């Protein structure tokens, strides 16, 4: 019996100028990663790690999609500056982040605010949630994701 649940679909503006739905990628594995903000140290490291492993992800039939609340103009600068070969999606109203449970109350330097909890979801070719990583630590994460796909999908 298959216990995997269907991943929540979304329809978000993407860095290629199109609207992108998760369901557009049926037939491929999807690495959907939520991150707090373009151009910040942790997010830049994570994006560049995915970039540097792009060919390996393509080799296991996986598409990488990055999601943050940043507007498209900021995504375009981020892509240009770091040569990112995958789509970044703009979730300015946080609807996708809420659907995946990653829009959280955060604390930083004594201040409380709502923001993205760095998380990655692996969605199989049928659109089902295969694995989720929450409260992601950037170092070694991309290799862990790639390893999971190679071993399980």
C-alpha atoms as a PDB file:
ATOM      1  CA  UNK A   1       0.000   0.000   0.000  1.00  0.00           C
ATOM      2  CA  UNK A   2       1.292   3.473  -0.891  1.00  0.00           C
ATOM      3  CA  UNK A   3       1.294   5.701   2.188  1.00  0.00           C
ATOM      4  CA  UNK A   4       2.681   8.781   0.465  1.00  0.00           C
ATOM      5  CA  UNK A   5       0.430  11.832   0.272  1.00  0.00           C
ATOM      6  CA  UNK A   6       0.008  14.124  -2.691  1.00  0.00           C
ATOM      7  CA  UNK A   7       2.184  17.220  -2.312  1.00  0.00           C
ATOM      8  CA  UNK A   8       0.197  20.480  -2.180  1.00  0.00           C
ATOM      9  CA  UNK A   9       0.009  22.057  -5.638  1.00  0.00           C
ATOM     10  CA  UNK A  10       0.694  25.742  -6.145  1.00  0.00           C
ATOM     11  CA  UNK A  11       0.689  28.300  -8.950  1.00  0.00           C
ATOM     12  CA  UNK A  12       3.523  30.810  -8.526  1.00  0.00           C
ATOM     13  CA  UNK A  13       5.307  33.356 -10.711  1.00  0.00           C
ATOM     14  CA  UNK A  14       8.708  31.992 -11.737  1.00  0.00           C
ATOM     15  CA  UNK A  15      11.999  33.538 -12.747  1.00  0.00           C
ATOM     16  CA  UNK A  16      11.398  32.475 -16.372  1.00  0.00           C
ATOM     17  CA  UNK A  17       8.435  34.872 -16.606  1.00  0.00           C
ATOM     18  CA  UNK A  18       5.864  32.047 -16.487  1.00  0.00           C
ATOM     19  CA  UNK A  19       3.430  30.908 -13.824  1.00  0.00           C
ATOM     20  CA  UNK A  20       4.557  27.517 -12.548  1.00  0.00           C
ATOM     21  CA  UNK A  21       2.478  24.776 -10.955  1.00  0.00           C
ATOM     22  CA  UNK A  22       3.928  21.788  -9.144  1.00  0.00           C
ATOM     23  CA  UNK A  23       1.687  19.579 -11.278  1.00  0.00           C
ATOM     24  CA  UNK A  24       3.555  20.848 -14.392  1.00  0.00           C
ATOM     25  CA  UNK A  25       6.428  18.577 -13.335  1.00  0.00           C
ATOM     26  CA  UNK A  26       4.577  15.241 -13.128  1.00  0.00           C
ATOM     27  CA  UNK A  27       6.840  12.548 -14.543  1.00  0.00           C
ATOM     28  CA  UNK A  28       9.927  14.060 -12.915  1.00  0.00           C
ATOM     29  CA  UNK A  29      11.242  14.036  -9.382  1.00  0.00           C
ATOM     30  CA  UNK A  30      11.049  17.514  -7.847  1.00  0.00           C
ATOM     31  CA  UNK A  31      13.315  19.028  -5.226  1.00  0.00           C
ATOM     32  CA  UNK A  32      11.232  21.877  -3.803  1.00  0.00           C
ATOM     33  CA  UNK A  33      13.277  23.965  -1.440  1.00  0.00           C
ATOM     34  CA  UNK A  34      12.013  26.884   0.613  1.00  0.00           C
ATOM     35  CA  UNK A  35      14.539  29.455   1.752  1.00  0.00           C
ATOM     36  CA  UNK A  36      14.227  32.766   3.630  1.00  0.00           C
ATOM     37  CA  UNK A  37      15.845  35.393   1.403  1.00  0.00           C
ATOM     38  CA  UNK A  38      17.890  35.913  -1.771  1.00  0.00           C
ATOM     39  CA  UNK A  39      21.467  37.215  -1.381  1.00  0.00           C
ATOM     40  CA  UNK A  40      21.888  36.190   2.277  1.00  0.00           C
ATOM     41  CA  UNK A  41      24.866  33.981   3.240  1.00  0.00           C
ATOM     42  CA  UNK A  42      23.039  30.714   4.046  1.00  0.00           C
ATOM     43  CA  UNK A  43      20.627  31.016   1.146  1.00  0.00           C
ATOM     44  CA  UNK A  44      23.432  31.834  -1.286  1.00  0.00           C
ATOM     45  CA  UNK A  45      25.454  28.819  -0.122  1.00  0.00           C
ATOM     46  CA  UNK A  46      22.426  26.538  -0.475  1.00  0.00           C
ATOM     47  CA  UNK A  47      21.545  27.854  -3.958  1.00  0.00           C
ATOM     48  CA  UNK A  48      25.159  27.491  -5.128  1.00  0.00           C
ATOM     49  CA  UNK A  49      25.327  23.922  -3.738  1.00  0.00           C
ATOM     50  CA  UNK A  50      22.215  23.036  -5.748  1.00  0.00           C
ATOM     51  CA  UNK A  51      23.740  24.807  -8.785  1.00  0.00           C
ATOM     52  CA  UNK A  52      27.005  22.896  -8.462  1.00  0.00           C
ATOM     53  CA  UNK A  53      25.125  19.574  -8.369  1.00  0.00           C
ATOM     54  CA  UNK A  54      22.610  20.445 -11.102  1.00  0.00           C
ATOM     55  CA  UNK A  55      23.929  17.820 -13.536  1.00  0.00           C
ATOM     56  CA  UNK A  56      23.722  15.072 -10.933  1.00  0.00           C
ATOM     57  CA  UNK A  57      20.103  16.021 -10.173  1.00  0.00           C
ATOM     58  CA  UNK A  58      19.322  16.022 -13.902  1.00  0.00           C
ATOM     59  CA  UNK A  59      20.921  12.558 -14.056  1.00  0.00           C
ATOM     60  CA  UNK A  60      18.324  11.234 -11.572  1.00  0.00           C
ATOM     61  CA  UNK A  61      15.488  12.971 -13.450  1.00  0.00           C
ATOM     62  CA  UNK A  62      15.063  15.644 -10.758  1.00  0.00           C
ATOM     63  CA  UNK A  63      14.052  19.275 -11.203  1.00  0.00           C
ATOM     64  CA  UNK A  64      15.112  21.847  -8.604  1.00  0.00           C
ATOM     65  CA  UNK A  65      12.680  24.619  -7.641  1.00  0.00           C
ATOM     66  CA  UNK A  66      13.626  27.277  -5.096  1.00  0.00           C
ATOM     67  CA  UNK A  67      10.874  29.228  -3.313  1.00  0.00           C
ATOM     68  CA  UNK A  68      11.113  32.372  -1.202  1.00  0.00           C
ATOM     69  CA  UNK A  69       8.923  35.407  -0.503  1.00  0.00           C
ATOM     70  CA  UNK A  70      11.266  37.602  -2.574  1.00  0.00           C
ATOM     71  CA  UNK A  71       9.808  39.402  -5.610  1.00  0.00           C
ATOM     72  CA  UNK A  72      10.807  38.241  -9.106  1.00  0.00           C
ATOM     73  CA  UNK A  73      13.125  41.229  -9.674  1.00  0.00           C
ATOM     74  CA  UNK A  74      15.220  40.142  -6.689  1.00  0.00           C
ATOM     75  CA  UNK A  75      15.204  36.517  -7.889  1.00  0.00           C
ATOM     76  CA  UNK A  76      16.514  37.674 -11.277  1.00  0.00           C
ATOM     77  CA  UNK A  77      19.431  39.516  -9.638  1.00  0.00           C
ATOM     78  CA  UNK A  78      20.193  36.445  -7.490  1.00  0.00           C
ATOM     79  CA  UNK A  79      20.160  34.135 -10.534  1.00  0.00           C
ATOM     80  CA  UNK A  80      22.334  36.503 -12.553  1.00  0.00           C
ATOM     81  CA  UNK A  81      24.871  37.063  -9.784  1.00  0.00           C
ATOM     82  CA  UNK A  82      25.359  33.346  -9.011  1.00  0.00           C
ATOM     83  CA  UNK A  83      24.538  31.702 -12.365  1.00  0.00           C
ATOM     84  CA  UNK A  84      21.667  29.657 -10.975  1.00  0.00           C
ATOM     85  CA  UNK A  85      20.389  27.213 -13.630  1.00  0.00           C
ATOM     86  CA  UNK A  86      17.032  26.410 -11.987  1.00  0.00           C
ATOM     87  CA  UNK A  87      13.767  28.284 -11.469  1.00  0.00           C
ATOM     88  CA  UNK A  88      13.163  30.465  -8.446  1.00  0.00           C
ATOM     89  CA  UNK A  89       9.518  30.977  -7.536  1.00  0.00           C
ATOM     90  CA  UNK A  90       8.102  34.057  -5.871  1.00  0.00           C
ATOM     91  CA  UNK A  91       5.730  33.307  -2.972  1.00  0.00           C
ATOM     92  CA  UNK A  92       5.081  36.890  -1.892  1.00  0.00           C
ATOM     93  CA  UNK A  93       1.769  36.105  -0.147  1.00  0.00           C
ATOM     94  CA  UNK A  94       3.302  33.000   1.532  1.00  0.00           C
ATOM     95  CA  UNK A  95       0.460  30.732   0.365  1.00  0.00           C
ATOM     96  CA  UNK A  96       2.805  27.938  -0.774  1.00  0.00           C
ATOM     97  CA  UNK A  97       4.911  28.305   2.395  1.00  0.00           C
ATOM     98  CA  UNK A  98       1.739  27.979   4.483  1.00  0.00           C
ATOM     99  CA  UNK A  99       0.561  24.944   2.476  1.00  0.00           C
ATOM    100  CA  UNK A 100       3.875  23.214   3.251  1.00  0.00           C
ATOM    101  CA  UNK A 101       3.933  24.386   6.890  1.00  0.00           C
ATOM    102  CA  UNK A 102       7.180  26.351   6.568  1.00  0.00           C
ATOM    103  CA  UNK A 103       5.824  29.872   7.323  1.00  0.00           C
ATOM    104  CA  UNK A 104       6.801  30.057  11.009  1.00  0.00           C
ATOM    105  CA  UNK A 105       7.310  32.403  13.910  1.00  0.00           C
ATOM    106  CA  UNK A 106      11.050  32.992  14.106  1.00  0.00           C
ATOM    107  CA  UNK A 107      13.253  34.656  16.677  1.00  0.00           C
ATOM    108  CA  UNK A 108      16.422  36.561  15.906  1.00  0.00           C
ATOM    109  CA  UNK A 109      18.335  38.856  18.245  1.00  0.00           C
ATOM    110  CA  UNK A 110      15.328  38.984  20.588  1.00  0.00           C
ATOM    111  CA  UNK A 111      12.877  39.963  17.841  1.00  0.00           C
ATOM    112  CA  UNK A 112       9.974  37.777  16.808  1.00  0.00           C
ATOM    113  CA  UNK A 113       8.744  37.782  13.221  1.00  0.00           C
ATOM    114  CA  UNK A 114       7.135  35.493  10.662  1.00  0.00           C
ATOM    115  CA  UNK A 115       9.423  33.963   8.072  1.00  0.00           C
ATOM    116  CA  UNK A 116      10.414  30.883   6.089  1.00  0.00           C
ATOM    117  CA  UNK A 117      11.859  27.925   7.978  1.00  0.00           C
ATOM    118  CA  UNK A 118      14.495  26.546   5.582  1.00  0.00           C
ATOM    119  CA  UNK A 119      12.987  23.272   4.356  1.00  0.00           C
ATOM    120  CA  UNK A 120      13.248  20.895   1.412  1.00  0.00           C
ATOM    121  CA  UNK A 121      10.597  18.559   0.029  1.00  0.00           C
ATOM    122  CA  UNK A 122      11.275  15.714  -2.383  1.00  0.00           C
ATOM    123  CA  UNK A 123       8.279  14.968  -4.559  1.00  0.00           C
ATOM    124  CA  UNK A 124       8.194  11.830  -6.686  1.00  0.00           C
ATOM    125  CA  UNK A 125       7.167  11.500 -10.329  1.00  0.00           C
ATOM    126  CA  UNK A 126       3.520  10.968  -9.347  1.00  0.00           C
ATOM    127  CA  UNK A 127       3.414  14.205  -7.353  1.00  0.00           C
ATOM    128  CA  UNK A 128       3.584  12.480  -3.981  1.00  0.00           C
ATOM    129  CA  UNK A 129       5.678  13.648  -1.063  1.00  0.00           C
ATOM    130  CA  UNK A 130       8.609  11.225  -0.775  1.00  0.00           C
ATOM    131  CA  UNK A 131      10.686  13.004   1.890  1.00  0.00           C
ATOM    132  CA  UNK A 132      10.753  16.242   3.837  1.00  0.00           C
ATOM    133  CA  UNK A 133      13.636  17.988   5.527  1.00  0.00           C
ATOM    134  CA  UNK A 134      12.752  20.722   8.017  1.00  0.00           C
ATOM    135  CA  UNK A 135      14.988  23.195   9.844  1.00  0.00           C
ATOM    136  CA  UNK A 136      17.652  22.455   7.255  1.00  0.00           C
ATOM    137  CA  UNK A 137      21.306  23.066   8.008  1.00  0.00           C
ATOM    138  CA  UNK A 138      22.927  24.067   4.720  1.00  0.00           C
ATOM    139  CA  UNK A 139      26.255  22.220   5.029  1.00  0.00           C
ATOM    140  CA  UNK A 140      25.954  18.775   3.424  1.00  0.00           C
ATOM    141  CA  UNK A 141      22.218  19.159   2.757  1.00  0.00           C
ATOM    142  CA  UNK A 142      22.329  19.027  -1.051  1.00  0.00           C
ATOM    143  CA  UNK A 143      24.387  15.814  -0.955  1.00  0.00           C
ATOM    144  CA  UNK A 144      21.868  14.305   1.480  1.00  0.00           C
ATOM    145  CA  UNK A 145      18.963  15.180  -0.853  1.00  0.00           C
ATOM    146  CA  UNK A 146      20.772  13.759  -3.885  1.00  0.00           C
ATOM    147  CA  UNK A 147      21.595  10.579  -1.963  1.00  0.00           C
ATOM    148  CA  UNK A 148      17.946  10.101  -0.985  1.00  0.00           C
ATOM    149  CA  UNK A 149      16.768  10.437  -4.597  1.00  0.00           C
ATOM    150  CA  UNK A 150      19.441   8.039  -5.888  1.00  0.00           C
ATOM    151  CA  UNK A 151      18.556   5.410  -3.278  1.00  0.00           C
ATOM    152  CA  UNK A 152      14.765   5.739  -3.187  1.00  0.00           C
ATOM    153  CA  UNK A 153      13.302   7.140  -6.407  1.00  0.00           C
END
